Amino acid sequence: MQTVLVPTPIGAGPQYHPRPAIHSQCTESPLRAGARVHVELFANRRVVIVPAKVGVGSHCRARLWTIDPTGVVRFERRATLGDLFRVWGRALSRTRLLGFRGAVLAYRNGVAWHGDPRRVPLRDHDELVLEIRGYVPPHRFYRFPRR
């Protein structure tokens, strides 16, 4: 089966460019460590940026964090999408994604997740897609850059 890429524009306005934050305990640890997942967010058929420095303080980081605005999330130990959104201080539920309201659809490696999106476990090298108010065909994989 061939992968079809659908060009999807980035949304305009602050709701599509949320600011990074850290709402968690923070420790001095290397930024390039940990397992990685790729998280893509879509609202109204537009890309919502996962910003750099989610979970990163001035001299420390949380147990989930981002380095750049690519959607690559690093984590240590067992974690869920709900943990990521708690560290970020942003809303995630079955009916809310950031400031958007409606039915939230979740996909892992292109397969629909049935249930609360906060409970999606993070596994190294997974491709996770969250969508609200519109459908964009979810990717089945992400080509992670070398460490």
Foldseek 3Di string as FASTA:
>chain_A
DDDDDDDFAQDDDDQLEDDAAFDADWDQDDPPDAFKEAEWEEEQRHTRWPAAFRQHDPRTGHQWHHHGRRRIIGGDDKAAVLRSCNRRVADAWQADDGPHGAGKWKDKLQHTDPDIRRHHIDDGQIYMYIYGNDDDRGHNGDDDDDD
